[in-house]
N, C-alpha and C. Protein backbone atom coordinates (compact mmCIF):
# COMPACT_ATOMS: atom_id res chain seq x y z
N UNK A 1 -17.83 2.43 -16.83
CA UNK A 1 -17.93 3.28 -15.63
C UNK A 1 -16.56 3.73 -15.35
N UNK A 2 -16.42 5.16 -14.45
CA UNK A 2 -15.42 6.01 -14.84
C UNK A 2 -14.34 5.70 -13.49
N UNK A 3 -13.18 6.04 -13.63
CA UNK A 3 -11.94 5.14 -12.92
C UNK A 3 -10.84 6.75 -12.82
N UNK A 4 -10.21 6.52 -11.74
CA UNK A 4 -9.88 7.31 -11.38
C UNK A 4 -8.02 7.23 -10.66
N UNK A 5 -7.22 8.26 -10.92
CA UNK A 5 -5.89 8.20 -10.62
C UNK A 5 -5.77 8.68 -9.36
N UNK A 6 -4.72 8.00 -8.40
CA UNK A 6 -5.05 9.01 -7.16
C UNK A 6 -3.60 9.00 -6.86
N UNK A 7 -2.15 10.24 -6.58
CA UNK A 7 -0.85 10.12 -6.31
C UNK A 7 -0.78 10.96 -5.63
N UNK A 8 0.47 10.45 -4.73
CA UNK A 8 0.83 11.29 -3.28
C UNK A 8 2.18 10.77 -2.71
N UNK A 9 2.28 11.26 -1.90
CA UNK A 9 3.93 11.16 -1.52
C UNK A 9 4.47 11.55 0.09
N UNK A 10 4.91 10.60 0.43
CA UNK A 10 5.33 11.36 2.02
C UNK A 10 6.59 10.98 2.50
N UNK A 11 6.74 11.24 3.77
CA UNK A 11 8.60 11.03 3.70
C UNK A 11 8.31 10.57 5.44
N UNK A 12 8.64 9.20 5.64
CA UNK A 12 8.71 8.36 6.76
C UNK A 12 10.56 8.83 7.68
N UNK A 13 10.02 9.60 8.96
CA UNK A 13 11.79 8.74 9.81
C UNK A 13 12.25 7.34 9.88
N UNK A 14 12.70 7.33 9.24
CA UNK A 14 12.57 5.87 9.37
C UNK A 14 13.56 4.87 8.40
N UNK A 15 13.54 3.51 9.06
CA UNK A 15 14.93 2.36 7.91
C UNK A 15 14.51 2.06 6.60
N UNK A 16 14.97 1.85 5.53
CA UNK A 16 14.34 1.81 4.71
C UNK A 16 13.26 0.42 4.53
N UNK A 17 14.28 -0.48 5.17
CA UNK A 17 14.38 -1.77 5.17
C UNK A 17 12.55 -2.02 6.32
N UNK A 18 12.64 -0.87 7.09
CA UNK A 18 11.48 -0.87 8.31
C UNK A 18 10.07 -0.38 7.29
N UNK A 19 10.55 0.30 6.83
CA UNK A 19 9.76 0.75 5.95
C UNK A 19 8.87 0.04 4.52
N UNK A 20 9.53 -0.85 4.08
CA UNK A 20 9.48 -1.63 3.08
C UNK A 20 8.70 -2.88 3.93
N UNK A 21 8.83 -3.09 4.98
CA UNK A 21 8.55 -4.56 6.17
C UNK A 21 6.85 -4.21 5.99
N UNK A 22 6.88 -2.34 6.57
CA UNK A 22 5.87 -1.80 6.72
C UNK A 22 4.56 -2.62 5.62
N UNK A 23 5.07 -2.39 4.71
CA UNK A 23 4.07 -2.87 3.35
C UNK A 23 3.91 -4.38 2.89
N UNK A 24 4.99 -5.23 3.40
CA UNK A 24 5.46 -6.45 2.82
C UNK A 24 5.02 -7.85 3.69
N UNK A 25 5.45 -7.14 5.12
CA UNK A 25 5.33 -8.53 6.59
C UNK A 25 4.03 -8.86 6.88
N UNK A 26 3.58 -9.43 6.96
CA UNK A 26 1.72 -9.82 7.75
C UNK A 26 1.73 -9.72 8.70
N UNK A 27 3.54 -9.43 9.61
CA UNK A 27 3.36 -9.45 11.11
C UNK A 27 3.78 -7.88 11.46
N UNK A 28 4.27 -7.39 10.51
CA UNK A 28 4.45 -5.80 10.75
C UNK A 28 3.24 -5.37 10.25
N UNK A 29 2.49 -5.34 9.09
CA UNK A 29 1.03 -4.63 8.58
C UNK A 29 0.25 -4.81 9.69
N UNK A 30 0.01 -6.31 10.37
CA UNK A 30 -0.88 -7.13 11.85
C UNK A 30 -0.73 -5.58 12.88
N UNK A 31 0.95 -5.15 13.08
CA UNK A 31 1.15 -4.24 14.02
C UNK A 31 0.89 -2.82 13.52
N UNK A 32 0.89 -2.13 12.08
CA UNK A 32 0.46 -0.90 12.55
C UNK A 32 -1.02 -1.14 12.03
N UNK A 33 -1.84 -2.19 11.66
CA UNK A 33 -3.30 -2.09 10.91
C UNK A 33 -4.30 -2.53 12.53
N UNK A 34 -3.80 -3.45 13.13
CA UNK A 34 -4.68 -3.83 14.12
C UNK A 34 -5.50 -5.09 13.86
N UNK A 35 -4.78 -5.48 12.57
CA UNK A 35 -5.73 -6.31 12.10
C UNK A 35 -4.43 -7.16 11.29
N UNK A 36 -5.12 -9.02 10.96
CA UNK A 36 -3.95 -10.01 10.89
C UNK A 36 -4.27 -9.95 9.31
N UNK A 37 -2.99 -10.25 8.66
CA UNK A 37 -3.32 -9.74 6.84
C UNK A 37 -2.70 -10.84 6.23
N UNK A 38 -2.65 -11.28 5.23
CA UNK A 38 -2.37 -12.12 4.28
C UNK A 38 -1.15 -11.46 3.19
N UNK A 39 -0.17 -11.52 3.09
CA UNK A 39 0.90 -10.80 2.35
C UNK A 39 1.62 -11.77 1.82
N UNK A 40 1.82 -12.16 0.57
CA UNK A 40 2.60 -13.23 -0.31
C UNK A 40 4.06 -12.20 -0.18
N UNK A 41 4.73 -13.28 0.00
CA UNK A 41 6.03 -12.82 -0.29
C UNK A 41 6.99 -12.81 -2.59
N UNK A 42 5.83 -14.10 -2.46
CA UNK A 42 6.00 -14.25 -4.10
C UNK A 42 5.01 -13.45 -4.82
N UNK A 43 5.72 -12.66 -5.98
CA UNK A 43 4.25 -12.10 -6.80
C UNK A 43 3.46 -13.08 -7.39
N UNK A 44 2.59 -12.48 -8.13
CA UNK A 44 1.63 -13.59 -8.72
C UNK A 44 0.91 -14.10 -7.57
N UNK A 45 1.12 -14.14 -6.14
CA UNK A 45 -0.11 -14.77 -5.09
C UNK A 45 -0.71 -13.64 -4.39
N UNK A 46 -2.10 -13.62 -3.98
CA UNK A 46 -2.82 -13.02 -3.53
C UNK A 46 -2.80 -12.29 -2.40
N UNK A 47 -3.20 -11.34 -1.98
CA UNK A 47 -3.45 -10.65 -0.48
C UNK A 47 -4.50 -9.91 0.15
N UNK A 48 -4.53 -10.58 1.47
CA UNK A 48 -5.41 -9.62 1.97
C UNK A 48 -5.63 -9.22 3.46
N UNK A 49 -5.95 -7.78 3.32
CA UNK A 49 -6.05 -7.02 4.14
C UNK A 49 -6.99 -6.15 5.20
N UNK A 50 -6.68 -5.80 6.70
CA UNK A 50 -8.24 -5.18 7.37
C UNK A 50 -9.04 -5.30 6.66
N UNK A 51 -9.01 -7.11 7.16
CA UNK A 51 -10.34 -8.30 7.28
C UNK A 51 -11.31 -8.17 5.78
N UNK A 52 -10.41 -8.46 4.98
CA UNK A 52 -10.89 -8.52 3.88
C UNK A 52 -11.56 -7.52 2.75
N UNK A 53 -11.10 -6.09 3.53
CA UNK A 53 -11.21 -5.01 2.69
C UNK A 53 -10.68 -4.44 1.79
N UNK A 54 -9.47 -4.83 2.38
CA UNK A 54 -8.60 -4.93 0.47
C UNK A 54 -8.18 -5.80 0.39
N UNK A 55 -8.58 -6.23 -1.29
CA UNK A 55 -7.64 -7.50 -1.42
C UNK A 55 -7.16 -7.56 -3.04
N UNK A 56 -6.20 -8.58 -3.34
CA UNK A 56 -5.72 -8.15 -4.80
C UNK A 56 -5.05 -9.20 -4.96
N UNK A 57 -3.53 -8.57 -5.78
CA UNK A 57 -2.22 -9.89 -5.96
C UNK A 57 -1.42 -9.20 -6.16
N UNK A 58 -0.20 -9.57 -5.64
CA UNK A 58 0.88 -8.94 -5.98
C UNK A 58 1.15 -9.57 -7.21
N UNK A 59 2.26 -8.21 -8.14
CA UNK A 59 2.30 -8.27 -9.19
C UNK A 59 3.87 -8.20 -9.20
N UNK A 60 4.63 -7.60 -8.54
CA UNK A 60 5.80 -7.41 -8.55
C UNK A 60 6.58 -6.93 -7.24
N UNK A 61 7.59 -7.02 -6.58
CA UNK A 61 8.70 -6.73 -5.61
C UNK A 61 9.86 -6.89 -5.81
N UNK A 62 10.25 -5.44 -5.40
CA UNK A 62 11.70 -5.51 -5.32
C UNK A 62 12.13 -5.11 -4.06
N UNK A 63 12.77 -5.54 -3.40
CA UNK A 63 13.14 -5.18 -2.35
C UNK A 63 13.51 -3.99 -1.79
N UNK A 64 12.92 -3.67 -0.39
CA UNK A 64 13.28 -2.10 -0.26
C UNK A 64 13.28 -0.76 -1.45
N UNK A 65 12.67 -1.54 -2.71
CA UNK A 65 12.76 -0.21 -3.31
C UNK A 65 10.97 0.03 -3.93
N UNK A 66 10.48 -0.95 -4.01
CA UNK A 66 9.24 -1.11 -5.18
C UNK A 66 8.21 -1.75 -4.53
N UNK A 67 7.08 -2.12 -4.71
CA UNK A 67 5.91 -2.75 -4.86
C UNK A 67 4.90 -2.47 -5.74
N UNK A 68 4.66 -3.50 -6.30
CA UNK A 68 3.14 -3.07 -7.32
C UNK A 68 2.38 -3.84 -6.99
N UNK A 69 0.95 -4.10 -6.45
CA UNK A 69 -0.06 -4.66 -6.24
C UNK A 69 -0.96 -4.54 -6.94
N UNK A 70 -2.30 -5.32 -7.71
CA UNK A 70 -3.95 -5.45 -8.50
C UNK A 70 -4.40 -5.01 -7.25
N UNK A 71 -5.41 -4.59 -6.96
CA UNK A 71 -6.46 -4.84 -5.89
C UNK A 71 -7.58 -4.71 -6.49
N UNK A 72 -8.38 -5.57 -6.17
CA UNK A 72 -9.79 -5.96 -6.80
C UNK A 72 -10.78 -4.96 -6.77
N UNK A 73 -11.98 -4.92 -7.23
CA UNK A 73 -12.98 -4.12 -7.18
C UNK A 73 -14.24 -4.41 -7.74
N UNK A 74 -14.73 -5.87 -7.55
CA UNK A 74 -15.73 -6.51 -8.19
C UNK A 74 -15.12 -6.66 -9.97
N UNK A 75 -16.36 -6.11 -10.71
CA UNK A 75 -16.13 -6.42 -12.27
C UNK A 75 -15.62 -5.04 -12.29
N UNK A 76 -14.33 -4.94 -12.94
CA UNK A 76 -14.27 -3.75 -13.64
C UNK A 76 -13.36 -4.32 -14.56
N UNK A 77 -12.89 -3.94 -16.23
CA UNK A 77 -12.37 -4.22 -17.22
C UNK A 77 -10.92 -3.55 -16.94
N UNK A 78 -10.38 -2.52 -16.48
CA UNK A 78 -8.71 -2.62 -16.14
C UNK A 78 -8.31 -2.49 -14.63
N UNK A 79 -7.62 -3.65 -14.96
CA UNK A 79 -6.94 -3.69 -13.11
C UNK A 79 -6.42 -2.61 -12.69
N UNK A 80 -7.14 -2.30 -11.75
CA UNK A 80 -6.44 -0.99 -10.49
C UNK A 80 -5.37 -1.40 -9.83
N UNK A 81 -4.40 -0.86 -10.35
CA UNK A 81 -2.87 -1.07 -10.34
C UNK A 81 -2.38 -0.35 -9.04
N UNK A 82 -1.99 -0.57 -8.12
CA UNK A 82 -0.95 0.32 -6.75
C UNK A 82 0.39 -0.28 -7.06
N UNK A 83 1.23 1.31 -7.28
CA UNK A 83 2.40 1.28 -7.12
C UNK A 83 3.13 1.86 -6.09
N UNK A 84 4.31 1.34 -5.08
CA UNK A 84 4.76 1.95 -4.44
C UNK A 84 6.16 1.94 -4.39
N UNK A 85 6.52 3.09 -4.82
CA UNK A 85 7.83 3.21 -4.73
C UNK A 85 8.78 3.89 -3.43
N UNK A 86 10.10 3.71 -2.54
CA UNK A 86 10.39 4.10 -1.47
C UNK A 86 11.77 4.34 -2.34
N UNK A 87 12.23 5.84 -1.99
CA UNK A 87 13.69 6.34 -1.84
C UNK A 87 14.43 6.65 -0.86
N UNK A 88 15.28 6.21 -0.15
CA UNK A 88 16.01 7.09 0.73
C UNK A 88 16.20 8.68 0.77
N UNK A 89 16.12 9.48 1.57
CA UNK A 89 16.22 10.44 1.26
C UNK A 89 16.02 11.65 2.77
N UNK A 90 17.97 11.55 2.60
CA UNK A 90 18.03 12.32 4.06
C UNK A 90 17.62 11.88 5.44
N UNK A 91 18.11 10.73 5.76
CA UNK A 91 17.25 10.46 6.92
C UNK A 91 15.95 9.71 6.89
N UNK A 92 15.47 10.04 6.13
CA UNK A 92 14.42 9.74 5.75
C UNK A 92 13.85 8.71 4.48
N UNK A 93 12.64 8.41 4.57
CA UNK A 93 12.36 7.21 3.20
C UNK A 93 10.77 7.72 2.95
N UNK A 94 11.17 8.35 1.35
CA UNK A 94 10.22 8.88 0.49
C UNK A 94 9.41 7.56 0.09
N UNK A 95 8.30 7.89 0.32
CA UNK A 95 7.21 6.63 -0.31
C UNK A 95 6.32 7.83 -1.65
N UNK A 96 6.19 7.07 -2.79
CA UNK A 96 5.23 7.68 -3.90
C UNK A 96 4.47 6.74 -4.07
N UNK A 97 3.68 7.07 -4.21
CA UNK A 97 2.33 6.14 -4.26
C UNK A 97 1.45 6.53 -5.70
N UNK A 98 1.61 5.76 -6.74
CA UNK A 98 0.29 5.85 -7.43
C UNK A 98 -0.51 4.30 -7.82
N UNK A 99 -1.65 5.04 -7.59
CA UNK A 99 -3.16 4.04 -7.43
C UNK A 99 -3.42 4.37 -8.83
N UNK A 100 -3.59 3.33 -10.04
CA UNK A 100 -4.82 3.86 -10.84
C UNK A 100 -5.61 3.04 -11.15
N UNK A 101 -6.87 3.59 -12.14
CA UNK A 101 -8.24 2.62 -12.30
C UNK A 101 -8.79 2.30 -10.96
N UNK A 102 -8.86 3.36 -10.12
CA UNK A 102 -9.86 3.11 -9.31
C UNK A 102 -11.29 3.91 -9.57
N UNK A 103 -12.33 3.02 -8.92
CA UNK A 103 -13.64 3.12 -9.56
C UNK A 103 -14.28 4.23 -8.45
N UNK A 104 -15.26 5.39 -9.88
CA UNK A 104 -15.20 6.56 -9.13
C UNK A 104 -15.94 6.79 -7.50
N UNK A 105 -16.62 5.16 -7.69
CA UNK A 105 -17.67 5.38 -6.47
C UNK A 105 -16.87 4.92 -5.36
N UNK A 106 -15.55 4.55 -5.55
CA UNK A 106 -14.90 3.77 -4.30
C UNK A 106 -13.77 5.66 -4.01
N UNK A 107 -13.87 6.21 -5.17
CA UNK A 107 -12.28 6.95 -4.94
C UNK A 107 -12.36 7.51 -3.58
N UNK A 108 -13.10 8.35 -3.46
CA UNK A 108 -12.89 9.40 -1.80
C UNK A 108 -12.19 8.00 -0.94
N UNK A 109 -13.58 7.03 -0.85
CA UNK A 109 -13.37 6.00 0.40
C UNK A 109 -11.35 5.54 0.10
N UNK A 110 -10.80 5.48 -1.33
CA UNK A 110 -10.13 4.48 -0.94
C UNK A 110 -8.39 5.84 -1.03
N UNK A 111 -9.11 7.33 -1.49
CA UNK A 111 -7.66 7.73 -1.05
C UNK A 111 -7.72 8.40 0.24
N UNK A 112 -8.83 8.34 1.12
CA UNK A 112 -8.41 8.79 2.52
C UNK A 112 -8.15 7.56 3.66
N UNK A 113 -8.76 6.62 2.62
CA UNK A 113 -8.14 5.19 3.51
C UNK A 113 -6.34 5.27 3.06
N UNK A 114 -5.99 5.74 2.00
CA UNK A 114 -4.40 5.56 1.66
C UNK A 114 -3.78 6.60 2.43
N UNK A 115 -4.51 7.57 2.51
CA UNK A 115 -3.32 8.97 3.19
C UNK A 115 -3.61 8.39 5.12
N UNK A 116 -5.01 8.53 5.46
CA UNK A 116 -5.67 8.18 7.00
C UNK A 116 -5.15 7.02 7.76
N UNK A 117 -5.43 6.15 7.11
CA UNK A 117 -5.07 4.59 7.46
C UNK A 117 -4.38 3.74 7.35
N UNK A 118 -3.72 4.15 6.36
CA UNK A 118 -2.64 3.44 5.28
C UNK A 118 -0.94 3.78 5.78
N UNK A 119 -1.25 5.05 4.67
CA UNK A 119 0.50 5.57 4.49
C UNK A 119 0.38 6.25 6.06
N UNK A 120 -0.86 7.02 6.60
CA UNK A 120 -0.87 7.63 7.68
C UNK A 120 -0.04 6.71 9.25
N UNK A 121 -0.74 5.74 8.62
CA UNK A 121 -0.85 4.73 10.02
C UNK A 121 0.67 4.19 10.09
N UNK A 122 1.54 3.92 9.08
CA UNK A 122 2.52 3.14 8.50
C UNK A 122 3.79 4.05 9.23
N UNK A 123 3.41 5.55 8.86
CA UNK A 123 4.27 6.66 9.46
C UNK A 123 4.25 6.52 11.17
N UNK A 124 3.08 6.88 11.43
CA UNK A 124 2.85 7.13 12.76
C UNK A 124 3.32 5.47 13.40
N UNK A 125 3.80 4.72 13.30
CA UNK A 125 3.93 3.42 13.53
C UNK A 125 5.27 3.06 13.59
N UNK A 126 5.78 3.69 12.34
CA UNK A 126 7.29 4.17 12.17
C UNK A 126 8.20 4.98 12.95
N UNK A 127 7.28 6.01 12.97
CA UNK A 127 7.71 7.31 14.08
C UNK A 127 7.38 6.73 15.28
N UNK A 128 7.08 5.97 15.59
CA UNK A 128 6.38 6.81 17.53
C UNK A 128 5.52 7.40 17.74
N UNK A 129 5.30 7.84 16.91
CA UNK A 129 4.79 9.73 17.46
C UNK A 129 3.92 9.21 18.69
């Protein structure tokens, strides 16, 4: 089964801690997504967002710097890994996303999801646009 990678970058005018919380704090995730989320603060535990549309496992957390998650796509040999890196950048926070091994049949949906409903929603929420 073919798999593809997705890479993108956005800048958000907000505090670093607030951007990190938007990815890792279940209460903040619910505020921007509109749905309750399960997001553990310890690596190795499983997470669930958007009514179970996104599920996986937290692999690595470096506060205000880096988040690494494995996303589940049913049966696939290679893990699909989302790595989110945060950098302060002149009054903004730069968010670099690399999501690897996305199944080809889910690629358009996932990339649109990241752009519009995940990163886009966080930016709008934090910038209060």
